[in-house]
PDB file of N, CA and C in Angstrom:
ATOM      1  N   UNK A   1      14.818  16.821   8.719  1.00  0.00           N
ATOM      2  CA  UNK A   1      15.568  15.718   9.266  1.00  0.00           C
ATOM      3  C   UNK A   1      15.034  15.364  10.651  1.00  0.00           C
ATOM      4  N   UNK A   2      15.192  14.144  10.984  1.00  0.00           N
ATOM      5  CA  UNK A   2      14.729  13.619  12.255  1.00  0.00           C
ATOM      6  C   UNK A   2      15.942  13.205  13.076  1.00  0.00           C
ATOM      7  N   UNK A   3      15.872  13.423  14.392  1.00  0.00           N
ATOM      8  CA  UNK A   3      16.997  13.043  15.240  1.00  0.00           C
ATOM      9  C   UNK A   3      17.215  11.536  15.273  1.00  0.00           C
ATOM     10  N   UNK A   4      16.124  10.763  15.166  1.00  0.00           N
ATOM     11  CA  UNK A   4      16.250   9.306  15.190  1.00  0.00           C
ATOM     12  C   UNK A   4      16.829   8.776  13.889  1.00  0.00           C
ATOM     13  N   UNK A   5      16.577   9.463  12.788  1.00  0.00           N
ATOM     14  CA  UNK A   5      17.065   9.037  11.479  1.00  0.00           C
ATOM     15  C   UNK A   5      17.786  10.223  10.839  1.00  0.00           C
ATOM     16  N   UNK A   6      19.084  10.332  10.997  1.00  0.00           N
ATOM     17  CA  UNK A   6      19.809  11.521  10.536  1.00  0.00           C
ATOM     18  C   UNK A   6      19.768  11.726   9.023  1.00  0.00           C
ATOM     19  N   UNK A   7      19.517  10.678   8.248  1.00  0.00           N
ATOM     20  CA  UNK A   7      19.455  10.833   6.791  1.00  0.00           C
ATOM     21  C   UNK A   7      18.098  11.333   6.312  1.00  0.00           C
ATOM     22  N   UNK A   8      17.123  11.426   7.199  1.00  0.00           N
ATOM     23  CA  UNK A   8      15.785  11.822   6.805  1.00  0.00           C
ATOM     24  C   UNK A   8      14.936  10.594   6.543  1.00  0.00           C
ATOM     25  N   UNK A   9      13.709  10.825   6.146  1.00  0.00           N
ATOM     26  CA  UNK A   9      12.793   9.715   5.894  1.00  0.00           C
ATOM     27  C   UNK A   9      12.992   9.223   4.468  1.00  0.00           C
ATOM     28  N   UNK A  10      13.512   8.050   4.326  1.00  0.00           N
ATOM     29  CA  UNK A  10      13.824   7.487   3.021  1.00  0.00           C
ATOM     30  C   UNK A  10      12.696   6.549   2.569  1.00  0.00           C
ATOM     31  N   UNK A  11      11.462   7.094   2.503  1.00  0.00           N
ATOM     32  CA  UNK A  11      10.308   6.249   2.211  1.00  0.00           C
ATOM     33  C   UNK A  11      10.280   5.769   0.772  1.00  0.00           C
ATOM     34  N   UNK A  12      10.928   6.466  -0.140  1.00  0.00           N
ATOM     35  CA  UNK A  12      10.953   6.008  -1.529  1.00  0.00           C
ATOM     36  C   UNK A  12      11.761   4.715  -1.638  1.00  0.00           C
ATOM     37  N   UNK A  13      12.897   4.666  -0.962  1.00  0.00           N
ATOM     38  CA  UNK A  13      13.691   3.437  -0.953  1.00  0.00           C
ATOM     39  C   UNK A  13      12.942   2.306  -0.269  1.00  0.00           C
ATOM     40  N   UNK A  14      12.249   2.632   0.820  1.00  0.00           N
ATOM     41  CA  UNK A  14      11.446   1.613   1.504  1.00  0.00           C
ATOM     42  C   UNK A  14      10.350   1.083   0.590  1.00  0.00           C
ATOM     43  N   UNK A  15       9.713   1.971  -0.158  1.00  0.00           N
ATOM     44  CA  UNK A  15       8.646   1.551  -1.071  1.00  0.00           C
ATOM     45  C   UNK A  15       9.201   0.670  -2.187  1.00  0.00           C
ATOM     46  N   UNK A  16      10.353   1.039  -2.738  1.00  0.00           N
ATOM     47  CA  UNK A  16      10.970   0.221  -3.788  1.00  0.00           C
ATOM     48  C   UNK A  16      11.302  -1.175  -3.271  1.00  0.00           C
ATOM     49  N   UNK A  17      11.884  -1.230  -2.087  1.00  0.00           N
ATOM     50  CA  UNK A  17      12.248  -2.511  -1.496  1.00  0.00           C
ATOM     51  C   UNK A  17      11.010  -3.358  -1.236  1.00  0.00           C
ATOM     52  N   UNK A  18       9.968  -2.733  -0.729  1.00  0.00           N
ATOM     53  CA  UNK A  18       8.741  -3.462  -0.412  1.00  0.00           C
ATOM     54  C   UNK A  18       8.055  -3.970  -1.675  1.00  0.00           C
ATOM     55  N   UNK A  19       7.995  -3.158  -2.714  1.00  0.00           N
ATOM     56  CA  UNK A  19       7.364  -3.572  -3.972  1.00  0.00           C
ATOM     57  C   UNK A  19       8.144  -4.710  -4.613  1.00  0.00           C
ATOM     58  N   UNK A  20       9.471  -4.614  -4.616  1.00  0.00           N
ATOM     59  CA  UNK A  20      10.247  -5.702  -5.219  1.00  0.00           C
ATOM     60  C   UNK A  20      10.115  -6.979  -4.394  1.00  0.00           C
ATOM     61  N   UNK A  21      10.047  -6.848  -3.076  1.00  0.00           N
ATOM     62  CA  UNK A  21       9.841  -8.018  -2.233  1.00  0.00           C
ATOM     63  C   UNK A  21       8.485  -8.653  -2.466  1.00  0.00           C
ATOM     64  N   UNK A  22       7.461  -7.827  -2.648  1.00  0.00           N
ATOM     65  CA  UNK A  22       6.124  -8.347  -2.926  1.00  0.00           C
ATOM     66  C   UNK A  22       6.077  -9.026  -4.287  1.00  0.00           C
ATOM     67  N   UNK A  23       6.786  -8.467  -5.247  1.00  0.00           N
ATOM     68  CA  UNK A  23       6.796  -9.054  -6.588  1.00  0.00           C
ATOM     69  C   UNK A  23       7.521 -10.399  -6.586  1.00  0.00           C
ATOM     70  N   UNK A  24       8.605 -10.496  -5.835  1.00  0.00           N
ATOM     71  CA  UNK A  24       9.374 -11.741  -5.791  1.00  0.00           C
ATOM     72  C   UNK A  24       8.720 -12.782  -4.882  1.00  0.00           C
ATOM     73  N   UNK A  25       8.156 -12.343  -3.759  1.00  0.00           N
ATOM     74  CA  UNK A  25       7.615 -13.273  -2.780  1.00  0.00           C
ATOM     75  C   UNK A  25       6.184 -13.686  -3.024  1.00  0.00           C
ATOM     76  N   UNK A  26       5.458 -12.913  -3.810  1.00  0.00           N
ATOM     77  CA  UNK A  26       4.061 -13.237  -4.066  1.00  0.00           C
ATOM     78  C   UNK A  26       3.231 -13.201  -2.792  1.00  0.00           C
ATOM     79  N   UNK A  27       2.341 -14.158  -2.632  1.00  0.00           N
ATOM     80  CA  UNK A  27       1.476 -14.193  -1.450  1.00  0.00           C
ATOM     81  C   UNK A  27       2.217 -14.589  -0.181  1.00  0.00           C
ATOM     82  N   UNK A  28       3.435 -15.068  -0.311  1.00  0.00           N
ATOM     83  CA  UNK A  28       4.228 -15.430   0.870  1.00  0.00           C
ATOM     84  C   UNK A  28       4.815 -14.195   1.564  1.00  0.00           C
ATOM     85  N   UNK A  29       4.888 -13.072   0.865  1.00  0.00           N
ATOM     86  CA  UNK A  29       5.436 -11.842   1.438  1.00  0.00           C
ATOM     87  C   UNK A  29       4.430 -11.288   2.452  1.00  0.00           C
ATOM     88  N   UNK A  30       4.906 -10.804   3.605  1.00  0.00           N
ATOM     89  CA  UNK A  30       3.974 -10.342   4.641  1.00  0.00           C
ATOM     90  C   UNK A  30       3.147  -9.112   4.269  1.00  0.00           C
ATOM     91  N   UNK A  31       3.529  -8.343   3.281  1.00  0.00           N
ATOM     92  CA  UNK A  31       2.769  -7.149   2.911  1.00  0.00           C
ATOM     93  C   UNK A  31       1.722  -7.405   1.838  1.00  0.00           C
ATOM     94  N   UNK A  32       1.789  -8.518   1.151  1.00  0.00           N
ATOM     95  CA  UNK A  32       0.904  -8.748   0.025  1.00  0.00           C
ATOM     96  C   UNK A  32      -0.558  -8.858   0.450  1.00  0.00           C
ATOM     97  N   UNK A  33      -0.827  -9.659   1.450  1.00  0.00           N
ATOM     98  CA  UNK A  33      -2.214  -9.879   1.868  1.00  0.00           C
ATOM     99  C   UNK A  33      -2.878  -8.620   2.417  1.00  0.00           C
ATOM    100  N   UNK A  34      -2.216  -7.814   3.256  1.00  0.00           N
ATOM    101  CA  UNK A  34      -2.864  -6.575   3.703  1.00  0.00           C
ATOM    102  C   UNK A  34      -3.128  -5.588   2.554  1.00  0.00           C
ATOM    103  N   UNK A  35      -2.234  -5.534   1.585  1.00  0.00           N
ATOM    104  CA  UNK A  35      -2.437  -4.629   0.451  1.00  0.00           C
ATOM    105  C   UNK A  35      -3.599  -5.119  -0.416  1.00  0.00           C
ATOM    106  N   UNK A  36      -3.703  -6.434  -0.617  1.00  0.00           N
ATOM    107  CA  UNK A  36      -4.830  -6.977  -1.367  1.00  0.00           C
ATOM    108  C   UNK A  36      -6.144  -6.773  -0.616  1.00  0.00           C
ATOM    109  N   UNK A  37      -6.112  -6.890   0.700  1.00  0.00           N
ATOM    110  CA  UNK A  37      -7.312  -6.635   1.501  1.00  0.00           C
ATOM    111  C   UNK A  37      -7.722  -5.167   1.392  1.00  0.00           C
ATOM    112  N   UNK A  38      -6.745  -4.272   1.401  1.00  0.00           N
ATOM    113  CA  UNK A  38      -7.044  -2.847   1.217  1.00  0.00           C
ATOM    114  C   UNK A  38      -7.644  -2.573  -0.141  1.00  0.00           C
ATOM    115  N   UNK A  39      -7.151  -3.270  -1.169  1.00  0.00           N
ATOM    116  CA  UNK A  39      -7.711  -3.107  -2.511  1.00  0.00           C
ATOM    117  C   UNK A  39      -9.155  -3.598  -2.555  1.00  0.00           C
ATOM    118  N   UNK A  40      -9.439  -4.695  -1.873  1.00  0.00           N
ATOM    119  CA  UNK A  40     -10.808  -5.222  -1.853  1.00  0.00           C
ATOM    120  C   UNK A  40     -11.753  -4.271  -1.127  1.00  0.00           C
ATOM    121  N   UNK A  41     -11.309  -3.726  -0.005  1.00  0.00           N
ATOM    122  CA  UNK A  41     -12.132  -2.774   0.738  1.00  0.00           C
ATOM    123  C   UNK A  41     -12.352  -1.506  -0.084  1.00  0.00           C
ATOM    124  N   UNK A  42     -11.312  -1.039  -0.752  1.00  0.00           N
ATOM    125  CA  UNK A  42     -11.442   0.145  -1.604  1.00  0.00           C
ATOM    126  C   UNK A  42     -12.374  -0.102  -2.780  1.00  0.00           C
ATOM    127  N   UNK A  43     -12.317  -1.305  -3.359  1.00  0.00           N
ATOM    128  CA  UNK A  43     -13.213  -1.633  -4.470  1.00  0.00           C
ATOM    129  C   UNK A  43     -14.660  -1.680  -3.990  1.00  0.00           C
ATOM    130  N   UNK A  44     -14.882  -2.217  -2.805  1.00  0.00           N
ATOM    131  CA  UNK A  44     -16.234  -2.244  -2.249  1.00  0.00           C
ATOM    132  C   UNK A  44     -16.744  -0.826  -2.005  1.00  0.00           C
ATOM    133  N   UNK A  45     -15.883   0.020  -1.460  1.00  0.00           N
ATOM    134  CA  UNK A  45     -16.274   1.419  -1.253  1.00  0.00           C
ATOM    135  C   UNK A  45     -16.533   2.099  -2.590  1.00  0.00           C
ATOM    136  N   UNK A  46     -15.727   1.785  -3.597  1.00  0.00           N
ATOM    137  CA  UNK A  46     -15.931   2.371  -4.921  1.00  0.00           C
ATOM    138  C   UNK A  46     -17.234   1.920  -5.556  1.00  0.00           C
ATOM    139  N   UNK A  47     -17.652   0.700  -5.260  1.00  0.00           N
ATOM    140  CA  UNK A  47     -18.921   0.206  -5.798  1.00  0.00           C
ATOM    141  C   UNK A  47     -20.103   0.862  -5.104  1.00  0.00           C
ATOM    142  N   UNK A  48     -19.950   1.191  -3.827  1.00  0.00           N
ATOM    143  CA  UNK A  48     -21.059   1.767  -3.070  1.00  0.00           C
ATOM    144  C   UNK A  48     -21.191   3.276  -3.247  1.00  0.00           C
ATOM    145  N   UNK A  49     -20.093   3.958  -3.455  1.00  0.00           N
ATOM    146  CA  UNK A  49     -20.131   5.417  -3.605  1.00  0.00           C
ATOM    147  C   UNK A  49     -20.420   5.790  -5.057  1.00  0.00           C
ATOM    148  N   UNK A  50     -21.265   6.773  -5.272  1.00  0.00           N
ATOM    149  CA  UNK A  50     -21.661   7.098  -6.646  1.00  0.00           C
ATOM    150  C   UNK A  50     -20.580   7.784  -7.477  1.00  0.00           C
ATOM    151  N   UNK A  51     -19.644   8.469  -6.859  1.00  0.00           N
ATOM    152  CA  UNK A  51     -18.658   9.248  -7.612  1.00  0.00           C
ATOM    153  C   UNK A  51     -17.432   8.415  -7.978  1.00  0.00           C
ATOM    154  N   UNK A  52     -17.086   7.455  -7.115  1.00  0.00           N
ATOM    155  CA  UNK A  52     -15.865   6.668  -7.292  1.00  0.00           C
ATOM    156  C   UNK A  52     -16.207   5.353  -7.981  1.00  0.00           C
ATOM    157  N   UNK A  53     -15.403   4.967  -8.944  1.00  0.00           N
ATOM    158  CA  UNK A  53     -15.641   3.699  -9.631  1.00  0.00           C
ATOM    159  C   UNK A  53     -14.867   2.577  -8.938  1.00  0.00           C
ATOM    160  N   UNK A  54     -15.141   1.362  -9.342  1.00  0.00           N
ATOM    161  CA  UNK A  54     -14.517   0.179  -8.748  1.00  0.00           C
ATOM    162  C   UNK A  54     -12.990   0.188  -8.861  1.00  0.00           C
ATOM    163  N   UNK A  55     -12.409   0.416 -10.056  1.00  0.00           N
ATOM    164  CA  UNK A  55     -10.933   0.392 -10.146  1.00  0.00           C
ATOM    165  C   UNK A  55     -10.262   1.517  -9.355  1.00  0.00           C
ATOM    166  N   UNK A  56     -10.874   2.681  -9.332  1.00  0.00           N
ATOM    167  CA  UNK A  56     -10.277   3.791  -8.582  1.00  0.00           C
ATOM    168  C   UNK A  56     -10.326   3.485  -7.091  1.00  0.00           C
ATOM    169  N   UNK A  57     -11.433   2.928  -6.624  1.00  0.00           N
ATOM    170  CA  UNK A  57     -11.535   2.546  -5.218  1.00  0.00           C
ATOM    171  C   UNK A  57     -10.508   1.501  -4.851  1.00  0.00           C
ATOM    172  N   UNK A  58     -10.311   0.511  -5.726  1.00  0.00           N
ATOM    173  CA  UNK A  58      -9.320  -0.536  -5.458  1.00  0.00           C
ATOM    174  C   UNK A  58      -7.917   0.053  -5.413  1.00  0.00           C
ATOM    175  N   UNK A  59      -7.617   0.946  -6.318  1.00  0.00           N
ATOM    176  CA  UNK A  59      -6.299   1.574  -6.351  1.00  0.00           C
ATOM    177  C   UNK A  59      -6.044   2.411  -5.102  1.00  0.00           C
ATOM    178  N   UNK A  60      -7.039   3.181  -4.702  1.00  0.00           N
ATOM    179  CA  UNK A  60      -6.886   4.010  -3.501  1.00  0.00           C
ATOM    180  C   UNK A  60      -6.756   3.132  -2.259  1.00  0.00           C
ATOM    181  N   UNK A  61      -7.558   2.077  -2.164  1.00  0.00           N
ATOM    182  CA  UNK A  61      -7.483   1.184  -1.021  1.00  0.00           C
ATOM    183  C   UNK A  61      -6.134   0.484  -0.932  1.00  0.00           C
ATOM    184  N   UNK A  62      -5.632   0.004  -2.067  1.00  0.00           N
ATOM    185  CA  UNK A  62      -4.321  -0.649  -2.078  1.00  0.00           C
ATOM    186  C   UNK A  62      -3.216   0.347  -1.738  1.00  0.00           C
ATOM    187  N   UNK A  63      -3.325   1.553  -2.268  1.00  0.00           N
ATOM    188  CA  UNK A  63      -2.327   2.580  -1.965  1.00  0.00           C
ATOM    189  C   UNK A  63      -2.304   2.947  -0.496  1.00  0.00           C
ATOM    190  N   UNK A  64      -3.476   3.068   0.098  1.00  0.00           N
ATOM    191  CA  UNK A  64      -3.556   3.393   1.519  1.00  0.00           C
ATOM    192  C   UNK A  64      -2.961   2.273   2.374  1.00  0.00           C
ATOM    193  N   UNK A  65      -3.300   1.040   2.064  1.00  0.00           N
ATOM    194  CA  UNK A  65      -2.758  -0.098   2.812  1.00  0.00           C
ATOM    195  C   UNK A  65      -1.240  -0.199   2.637  1.00  0.00           C
ATOM    196  N   UNK A  66      -0.769   0.027   1.416  1.00  0.00           N
ATOM    197  CA  UNK A  66       0.670  -0.021   1.158  1.00  0.00           C
ATOM    198  C   UNK A  66       1.400   1.071   1.924  1.00  0.00           C
ATOM    199  N   UNK A  67       0.840   2.272   1.923  1.00  0.00           N
ATOM    200  CA  UNK A  67       1.443   3.388   2.653  1.00  0.00           C
ATOM    201  C   UNK A  67       1.525   3.074   4.147  1.00  0.00           C
ATOM    202  N   UNK A  68       0.463   2.496   4.688  1.00  0.00           N
ATOM    203  CA  UNK A  68       0.484   2.137   6.108  1.00  0.00           C
ATOM    204  C   UNK A  68       1.537   1.072   6.398  1.00  0.00           C
ATOM    205  N   UNK A  69       1.821   0.187   5.454  1.00  0.00           N
ATOM    206  CA  UNK A  69       2.841  -0.837   5.656  1.00  0.00           C
ATOM    207  C   UNK A  69       4.258  -0.244   5.633  1.00  0.00           C
ATOM    208  N   UNK A  70       4.528   0.712   4.724  1.00  0.00           N
ATOM    209  CA  UNK A  70       5.901   1.210   4.611  1.00  0.00           C
ATOM    210  C   UNK A  70       6.215   2.317   5.590  1.00  0.00           C
ATOM    211  N   UNK A  71       5.230   2.950   6.183  1.00  0.00           N
ATOM    212  CA  UNK A  71       5.543   4.040   7.123  1.00  0.00           C
ATOM    213  C   UNK A  71       5.987   3.510   8.478  1.00  0.00           C
ATOM    214  N   UNK A  72       5.814   2.228   8.738  1.00  0.00           N
ATOM    215  CA  UNK A  72       6.225   1.643  10.033  1.00  0.00           C
ATOM    216  C   UNK A  72       7.721   1.523  10.118  1.00  0.00           C
TER     217      UNK A  72
END
């Protein structure tokens, strides 16, 4: 538990809220464009690295960008 947030870190609820907002708002939602940019960067890294494929890179990049958006 954290003193600033007595209920603890409720990141699962934050993630659910953010995903539903992105689904409803589309490109107008403030988190959509950074997550898509993260997916593009991850896909580029996946194309350049020999072990990681394009879809896995895109998924990891989008996940990283999404995580950075909800942890704020």
